[in-house]
Structure formats: C-alpha cells, structure tokens
Amino acid sequence: MRTAWEVPHKHLTPEALHSLAEEFVTRDGTDYGQVEKTLEEKVAALMRQLERGEAAILYDSESQTINIAPRHALR
C-alpha cells in the first residue's frame, strides 16, 4: 500500500513553503559540507532545487509527516 505522496511545491502558499524549507534545513543530521551557510542560504538553495525539479516534497499518510528528498532517490 502506497503511503507517500508527492506534494507539488507550487500547491503550497509561499509562507508555508518557506516554513517547510526552514524546518527541513534545520533538522538534525542535515549536512552542508565544510563551509557553513546561513539559514537563508540553505533555504534559498533548497527552494532552487524544488523549482528545478531536483527535489520533491513527500507527504507520508501513514506517519502523517512531510519530508523533502532528492528526486533521483525516488526512482
């Protein structure tokens, strides 16, 4: 049974999308390499990935959680 559904980022309000991106980039275990970036830089980079279709927002109905994943990992 499929429990995860893709939510097109354009279906979210700009405020909700920004809040989701902010929450995602501040999660424990999120690694950005050797150079530390500001919160806004991280959010902007994630927004660009969503716009280019490189990342996708996923809603899991079983756990009622939202995640963002690289699109290539979804295949």
PDB file of N, CA and C in Angstrom:
ATOM      1  N   MET A   1       0.832  -1.184   0.000  1.00  0.00           N
ATOM      2  CA  MET A   1       0.000   0.000   0.000  1.00  0.00           C
ATOM      3  C   MET A   1       0.880   1.251   0.000  1.00  0.00           C
ATOM      4  N   ARG A   2       0.646   2.130  -0.900  1.00  0.00           N
ATOM      5  CA  ARG A   2       1.421   3.362  -1.010  1.00  0.00           C
ATOM      6  C   ARG A   2       0.984   4.348   0.069  1.00  0.00           C
ATOM      7  N   THR A   3       1.968   4.844   0.820  1.00  0.00           N
ATOM      8  CA  THR A   3       1.628   5.808   1.856  1.00  0.00           C
ATOM      9  C   THR A   3       2.244   7.187   1.601  1.00  0.00           C
ATOM     10  N   ALA A   4       3.244   7.275   0.725  1.00  0.00           N
ATOM     11  CA  ALA A   4       3.895   8.555   0.467  1.00  0.00           C
ATOM     12  C   ALA A   4       3.403   9.151  -0.848  1.00  0.00           C
ATOM     13  N   TRP A   5       3.057  10.427  -0.804  1.00  0.00           N
ATOM     14  CA  TRP A   5       2.554  11.136  -1.974  1.00  0.00           C
ATOM     15  C   TRP A   5       3.375  12.386  -2.190  1.00  0.00           C
ATOM     16  N   GLU A   6       3.655  12.685  -3.453  1.00  0.00           N
ATOM     17  CA  GLU A   6       4.367  13.914  -3.749  1.00  0.00           C
ATOM     18  C   GLU A   6       3.399  15.088  -3.696  1.00  0.00           C
ATOM     19  N   VAL A   7       3.849  16.152  -3.055  1.00  0.00           N
ATOM     20  CA  VAL A   7       3.078  17.383  -2.973  1.00  0.00           C
ATOM     21  C   VAL A   7       3.811  18.429  -3.819  1.00  0.00           C
ATOM     22  N   PRO A   8       3.235  18.844  -4.931  1.00  0.00           N
ATOM     23  CA  PRO A   8       3.905  19.866  -5.743  1.00  0.00           C
ATOM     24  C   PRO A   8       4.139  21.136  -4.925  1.00  0.00           C
ATOM     25  N   HIS A   9       5.361  21.643  -4.964  1.00  0.00           N
ATOM     26  CA  HIS A   9       5.687  22.803  -4.131  1.00  0.00           C
ATOM     27  C   HIS A   9       4.835  24.018  -4.487  1.00  0.00           C
ATOM     28  N   LYS A  10       4.354  24.095  -5.705  1.00  0.00           N
ATOM     29  CA  LYS A  10       3.523  25.227  -6.110  1.00  0.00           C
ATOM     30  C   LYS A  10       2.110  25.159  -5.505  1.00  0.00           C
ATOM     31  N   HIS A  11       1.760  24.019  -4.901  1.00  0.00           N
ATOM     32  CA  HIS A  11       0.455  23.891  -4.249  1.00  0.00           C
ATOM     33  C   HIS A  11       0.456  24.482  -2.847  1.00  0.00           C
ATOM     34  N   LEU A  12       1.640  24.826  -2.344  1.00  0.00           N
ATOM     35  CA  LEU A  12       1.750  25.424  -1.012  1.00  0.00           C
ATOM     36  C   LEU A  12       1.804  26.944  -1.140  1.00  0.00           C
ATOM     37  N   THR A  13       1.322  27.625  -0.127  1.00  0.00           N
ATOM     38  CA  THR A  13       1.469  29.077  -0.116  1.00  0.00           C
ATOM     39  C   THR A  13       2.955  29.394   0.041  1.00  0.00           C
ATOM     40  N   PRO A  14       3.394  30.558  -0.402  1.00  0.00           N
ATOM     41  CA  PRO A  14       4.806  30.921  -0.220  1.00  0.00           C
ATOM     42  C   PRO A  14       5.241  30.857   1.247  1.00  0.00           C
ATOM     43  N   GLU A  15       4.358  31.253   2.145  1.00  0.00           N
ATOM     44  CA  GLU A  15       4.685  31.221   3.572  1.00  0.00           C
ATOM     45  C   GLU A  15       4.854  29.792   4.073  1.00  0.00           C
ATOM     46  N   ALA A  16       3.945  28.908   3.679  1.00  0.00           N
ATOM     47  CA  ALA A  16       4.028  27.511   4.104  1.00  0.00           C
ATOM     48  C   ALA A  16       5.270  26.840   3.518  1.00  0.00           C
ATOM     49  N   LEU A  17       5.566  27.129   2.263  1.00  0.00           N
ATOM     50  CA  LEU A  17       6.742  26.543   1.624  1.00  0.00           C
ATOM     51  C   LEU A  17       8.016  27.016   2.308  1.00  0.00           C
ATOM     52  N   HIS A  18       8.100  28.302   2.610  1.00  0.00           N
ATOM     53  CA  HIS A  18       9.284  28.828   3.288  1.00  0.00           C
ATOM     54  C   HIS A  18       9.430  28.205   4.674  1.00  0.00           C
ATOM     55  N   SER A  19       8.340  28.075   5.409  1.00  0.00           N
ATOM     56  CA  SER A  19       8.387  27.455   6.741  1.00  0.00           C
ATOM     57  C   SER A  19       8.831  26.004   6.657  1.00  0.00           C
ATOM     58  N   LEU A  20       8.305  25.279   5.674  1.00  0.00           N
ATOM     59  CA  LEU A  20       8.697  23.881   5.483  1.00  0.00           C
ATOM     60  C   LEU A  20      10.183  23.790   5.147  1.00  0.00           C
ATOM     61  N   ALA A  21      10.650  24.633   4.248  1.00  0.00           N
ATOM     62  CA  ALA A  21      12.061  24.617   3.860  1.00  0.00           C
ATOM     63  C   ALA A  21      12.945  24.954   5.058  1.00  0.00           C
ATOM     64  N   GLU A  22      12.542  25.941   5.842  1.00  0.00           N
ATOM     65  CA  GLU A  22      13.300  26.318   7.031  1.00  0.00           C
ATOM     66  C   GLU A  22      13.362  25.170   8.031  1.00  0.00           C
ATOM     67  N   GLU A  23      12.240  24.537   8.267  1.00  0.00           N
ATOM     68  CA  GLU A  23      12.210  23.397   9.205  1.00  0.00           C
ATOM     69  C   GLU A  23      13.090  22.271   8.689  1.00  0.00           C
ATOM     70  N   PHE A  24      13.038  22.005   7.403  1.00  0.00           N
ATOM     71  CA  PHE A  24      13.807  20.905   6.833  1.00  0.00           C
ATOM     72  C   PHE A  24      15.309  21.149   6.956  1.00  0.00           C
ATOM     73  N   VAL A  25      15.778  22.340   6.606  1.00  0.00           N
ATOM     74  CA  VAL A  25      17.219  22.580   6.619  1.00  0.00           C
ATOM     75  C   VAL A  25      17.794  22.683   8.023  1.00  0.00           C
ATOM     76  N   THR A  26      16.939  22.812   9.040  1.00  0.00           N
ATOM     77  CA  THR A  26      17.435  22.873  10.412  1.00  0.00           C
ATOM     78  C   THR A  26      17.302  21.537  11.151  1.00  0.00           C
ATOM     79  N   ARG A  27      16.848  20.513  10.459  1.00  0.00           N
ATOM     80  CA  ARG A  27      16.734  19.194  11.097  1.00  0.00           C
ATOM     81  C   ARG A  27      18.106  18.662  11.485  1.00  0.00           C
ATOM     82  N   ASP A  28      18.155  17.891  12.564  1.00  0.00           N
ATOM     83  CA  ASP A  28      19.390  17.232  12.972  1.00  0.00           C
ATOM     84  C   ASP A  28      19.859  16.305  11.861  1.00  0.00           C
ATOM     85  N   GLY A  29      21.169  16.287  11.650  1.00  0.00           N
ATOM     86  CA  GLY A  29      21.732  15.383  10.658  1.00  0.00           C
ATOM     87  C   GLY A  29      21.810  15.961   9.260  1.00  0.00           C
ATOM     88  N   THR A  30      21.323  17.182   9.056  1.00  0.00           N
ATOM     89  CA  THR A  30      21.433  17.818   7.747  1.00  0.00           C
ATOM     90  C   THR A  30      22.841  18.366   7.624  1.00  0.00           C
ATOM     91  N   ASP A  31      23.579  17.902   6.604  1.00  0.00           N
ATOM     92  CA  ASP A  31      24.980  18.263   6.439  1.00  0.00           C
ATOM     93  C   ASP A  31      25.160  19.115   5.192  1.00  0.00           C
ATOM     94  N   TYR A  32      25.884  20.201   5.320  1.00  0.00           N
ATOM     95  CA  TYR A  32      26.114  21.104   4.195  1.00  0.00           C
ATOM     96  C   TYR A  32      27.586  21.204   3.831  1.00  0.00           C
ATOM     97  N   GLY A  33      28.392  20.250   4.283  1.00  0.00           N
ATOM     98  CA  GLY A  33      29.796  20.224   3.885  1.00  0.00           C
ATOM     99  C   GLY A  33      30.684  21.048   4.795  1.00  0.00           C
ATOM    100  N   GLN A  34      31.859  21.381   4.273  1.00  0.00           N
ATOM    101  CA  GLN A  34      32.884  22.071   5.057  1.00  0.00           C
ATOM    102  C   GLN A  34      32.538  23.520   5.376  1.00  0.00           C
ATOM    103  N   VAL A  35      31.875  24.196   4.455  1.00  0.00           N
ATOM    104  CA  VAL A  35      31.581  25.621   4.636  1.00  0.00           C
ATOM    105  C   VAL A  35      30.184  25.784   5.218  1.00  0.00           C
ATOM    106  N   GLU A  36      30.111  26.431   6.372  1.00  0.00           N
ATOM    107  CA  GLU A  36      28.813  26.673   6.995  1.00  0.00           C
ATOM    108  C   GLU A  36      28.078  27.756   6.224  1.00  0.00           C
ATOM    109  N   LYS A  37      26.774  27.558   6.052  1.00  0.00           N
ATOM    110  CA  LYS A  37      25.934  28.519   5.348  1.00  0.00           C
ATOM    111  C   LYS A  37      24.896  29.069   6.306  1.00  0.00           C
ATOM    112  N   THR A  38      24.406  30.261   6.006  1.00  0.00           N
ATOM    113  CA  THR A  38      23.355  30.851   6.836  1.00  0.00           C
ATOM    114  C   THR A  38      22.042  30.111   6.575  1.00  0.00           C
ATOM    115  N   LEU A  39      21.108  30.303   7.466  1.00  0.00           N
ATOM    116  CA  LEU A  39      19.797  29.694   7.309  1.00  0.00           C
ATOM    117  C   LEU A  39      19.172  30.112   5.983  1.00  0.00           C
ATOM    118  N   GLU A  40      19.228  31.384   5.665  1.00  0.00           N
ATOM    119  CA  GLU A  40      18.614  31.860   4.414  1.00  0.00           C
ATOM    120  C   GLU A  40      19.313  31.296   3.185  1.00  0.00           C
ATOM    121  N   GLU A  41      20.624  31.100   3.243  1.00  0.00           N
ATOM    122  CA  GLU A  41      21.338  30.478   2.118  1.00  0.00           C
ATOM    123  C   GLU A  41      20.880  29.032   1.922  1.00  0.00           C
ATOM    124  N   LYS A  42      20.702  28.327   3.025  1.00  0.00           N
ATOM    125  CA  LYS A  42      20.241  26.938   2.954  1.00  0.00           C
ATOM    126  C   LYS A  42      18.819  26.869   2.397  1.00  0.00           C
ATOM    127  N   VAL A  43      17.953  27.743   2.882  1.00  0.00           N
ATOM    128  CA  VAL A  43      16.562  27.780   2.402  1.00  0.00           C
ATOM    129  C   VAL A  43      16.533  28.124   0.919  1.00  0.00           C
ATOM    130  N   ALA A  44      17.302  29.113   0.503  1.00  0.00           N
ATOM    131  CA  ALA A  44      17.334  29.523  -0.903  1.00  0.00           C
ATOM    132  C   ALA A  44      17.827  28.385  -1.800  1.00  0.00           C
ATOM    133  N   ALA A  45      18.842  27.667  -1.352  1.00  0.00           N
ATOM    134  CA  ALA A  45      19.363  26.540  -2.145  1.00  0.00           C
ATOM    135  C   ALA A  45      18.300  25.452  -2.286  1.00  0.00           C
ATOM    136  N   LEU A  46      17.584  25.158  -1.211  1.00  0.00           N
ATOM    137  CA  LEU A  46      16.531  24.148  -1.267  1.00  0.00           C
ATOM    138  C   LEU A  46      15.393  24.599  -2.173  1.00  0.00           C
ATOM    139  N   MET A  47      15.027  25.860  -2.099  1.00  0.00           N
ATOM    140  CA  MET A  47      13.955  26.384  -2.960  1.00  0.00           C
ATOM    141  C   MET A  47      14.353  26.260  -4.435  1.00  0.00           C
ATOM    142  N   ARG A  48      15.628  26.526  -4.754  1.00  0.00           N
ATOM    143  CA  ARG A  48      16.095  26.368  -6.134  1.00  0.00           C
ATOM    144  C   ARG A  48      15.996  24.911  -6.577  1.00  0.00           C
ATOM    145  N   GLN A  49      16.341  23.982  -5.690  1.00  0.00           N
ATOM    146  CA  GLN A  49      16.231  22.553  -6.019  1.00  0.00           C
ATOM    147  C   GLN A  49      14.780  22.172  -6.292  1.00  0.00           C
ATOM    148  N   LEU A  50      13.857  22.692  -5.512  1.00  0.00           N
ATOM    149  CA  LEU A  50      12.434  22.410  -5.730  1.00  0.00           C
ATOM    150  C   LEU A  50      11.970  23.019  -7.060  1.00  0.00           C
ATOM    151  N   GLU A  51      12.374  24.242  -7.332  1.00  0.00           N
ATOM    152  CA  GLU A  51      11.985  24.910  -8.588  1.00  0.00           C
ATOM    153  C   GLU A  51      12.507  24.161  -9.817  1.00  0.00           C
ATOM    154  N   ARG A  52      13.735  23.654  -9.731  1.00  0.00           N
ATOM    155  CA  ARG A  52      14.336  22.944 -10.864  1.00  0.00           C
ATOM    156  C   ARG A  52      13.865  21.497 -10.962  1.00  0.00           C
ATOM    157  N   GLY A  53      13.091  21.034  -9.991  1.00  0.00           N
ATOM    158  CA  GLY A  53      12.610  19.662 -10.004  1.00  0.00           C
ATOM    159  C   GLY A  53      13.634  18.654  -9.528  1.00  0.00           C
ATOM    160  N   GLU A  54      14.679  19.122  -8.865  1.00  0.00           N
ATOM    161  CA  GLU A  54      15.733  18.239  -8.357  1.00  0.00           C
ATOM    162  C   GLU A  54      15.362  17.622  -7.009  1.00  0.00           C
ATOM    163  N   ALA A  55      14.404  18.223  -6.323  1.00  0.00           N
ATOM    164  CA  ALA A  55      13.939  17.732  -5.025  1.00  0.00           C
ATOM    165  C   ALA A  55      12.418  17.708  -5.043  1.00  0.00           C
ATOM    166  N   ALA A  56      11.850  16.870  -4.188  1.00  0.00           N
ATOM    167  CA  ALA A  56      10.397  16.732  -4.128  1.00  0.00           C
ATOM    168  C   ALA A  56       9.937  16.725  -2.671  1.00  0.00           C
ATOM    169  N   ILE A  57       8.756  17.280  -2.457  1.00  0.00           N
ATOM    170  CA  ILE A  57       8.122  17.257  -1.138  1.00  0.00           C
ATOM    171  C   ILE A  57       7.247  16.017  -1.082  1.00  0.00           C
ATOM    172  N   LEU A  58       7.413  15.220  -0.030  1.00  0.00           N
ATOM    173  CA  LEU A  58       6.660  13.981   0.122  1.00  0.00           C
ATOM    174  C   LEU A  58       5.856  14.002   1.412  1.00  0.00           C
ATOM    175  N   TYR A  59       4.588  13.637   1.297  1.00  0.00           N
ATOM    176  CA  TYR A  59       3.723  13.509   2.473  1.00  0.00           C
ATOM    177  C   TYR A  59       3.473  12.028   2.693  1.00  0.00           C
ATOM    178  N   ASP A  60       3.768  11.551   3.893  1.00  0.00           N
ATOM    179  CA  ASP A  60       3.532  10.154   4.246  1.00  0.00           C
ATOM    180  C   ASP A  60       2.256  10.090   5.078  1.00  0.00           C
ATOM    181  N   SER A  61       1.203   9.522   4.488  1.00  0.00           N
ATOM    182  CA  SER A  61      -0.095   9.492   5.165  1.00  0.00           C
ATOM    183  C   SER A  61      -0.104   8.558   6.368  1.00  0.00           C
ATOM    184  N   GLU A  62       0.749   7.546   6.360  1.00  0.00           N
ATOM    185  CA  GLU A  62       0.788   6.617   7.486  1.00  0.00           C
ATOM    186  C   GLU A  62       1.353   7.289   8.734  1.00  0.00           C
ATOM    187  N   SER A  63       2.477   7.995   8.586  1.00  0.00           N
ATOM    188  CA  SER A  63       3.101   8.661   9.735  1.00  0.00           C
ATOM    189  C   SER A  63       2.664  10.118   9.862  1.00  0.00           C
ATOM    190  N   GLN A  64       1.928  10.616   8.859  1.00  0.00           N
ATOM    191  CA  GLN A  64       1.466  11.996   8.802  1.00  0.00           C
ATOM    192  C   GLN A  64       2.637  12.975   8.937  1.00  0.00           C
ATOM    193  N   THR A  65       3.706  12.700   8.165  1.00  0.00           N
ATOM    194  CA  THR A  65       4.883  13.549   8.170  1.00  0.00           C
ATOM    195  C   THR A  65       5.196  14.011   6.753  1.00  0.00           C
ATOM    196  N   ILE A  66       5.952  15.083   6.689  1.00  0.00           N
ATOM    197  CA  ILE A  66       6.404  15.604   5.400  1.00  0.00           C
ATOM    198  C   ILE A  66       7.920  15.546   5.371  1.00  0.00           C
ATOM    199  N   ASN A  67       8.461  15.180   4.220  1.00  0.00           N
ATOM    200  CA  ASN A  67       9.895  15.124   4.030  1.00  0.00           C
ATOM    201  C   ASN A  67      10.221  15.719   2.670  1.00  0.00           C
ATOM    202  N   ILE A  68      11.456  16.076   2.471  1.00  0.00           N
ATOM    203  CA  ILE A  68      11.934  16.537   1.172  1.00  0.00           C
ATOM    204  C   ILE A  68      13.078  15.625   0.789  1.00  0.00           C
ATOM    205  N   ALA A  69      13.034  15.123  -0.443  1.00  0.00           N
ATOM    206  CA  ALA A  69      14.041  14.162  -0.891  1.00  0.00           C
ATOM    207  C   ALA A  69      14.530  14.526  -2.279  1.00  0.00           C
ATOM    208  N   PRO A  70      15.773  14.142  -2.589  1.00  0.00           N
ATOM    209  CA  PRO A  70      16.244  14.317  -3.960  1.00  0.00           C
ATOM    210  C   PRO A  70      15.380  13.481  -4.901  1.00  0.00           C
ATOM    211  N   ARG A  71      15.022  14.040  -6.025  1.00  0.00           N
ATOM    212  CA  ARG A  71      14.156  13.330  -6.959  1.00  0.00           C
ATOM    213  C   ARG A  71      14.787  12.020  -7.431  1.00  0.00           C
ATOM    214  N   HIS A  72      16.111  12.002  -7.634  1.00  0.00           N
ATOM    215  CA  HIS A  72      16.755  10.777  -8.119  1.00  0.00           C
ATOM    216  C   HIS A  72      16.615   9.623  -7.118  1.00  0.00           C
ATOM    217  N   ALA A  73      16.401   9.932  -5.845  1.00  0.00           N
ATOM    218  CA  ALA A  73      16.219   8.885  -4.833  1.00  0.00           C
ATOM    219  C   ALA A  73      14.820   8.284  -4.868  1.00  0.00           C
ATOM    220  N   LEU A  74      13.904   8.902  -5.601  1.00  0.00           N
ATOM    221  CA  LEU A  74      12.515   8.442  -5.635  1.00  0.00           C
ATOM    222  C   LEU A  74      12.277   7.350  -6.661  1.00  0.00           C
ATOM    223  N   ARG A  75      13.212   7.145  -7.554  1.00  0.00           N
ATOM    224  CA  ARG A  75      13.018   6.155  -8.621  1.00  0.00           C
ATOM    225  C   ARG A  75      13.228   4.761  -8.123  1.00  0.00           C
TER     226      ARG A  75
END
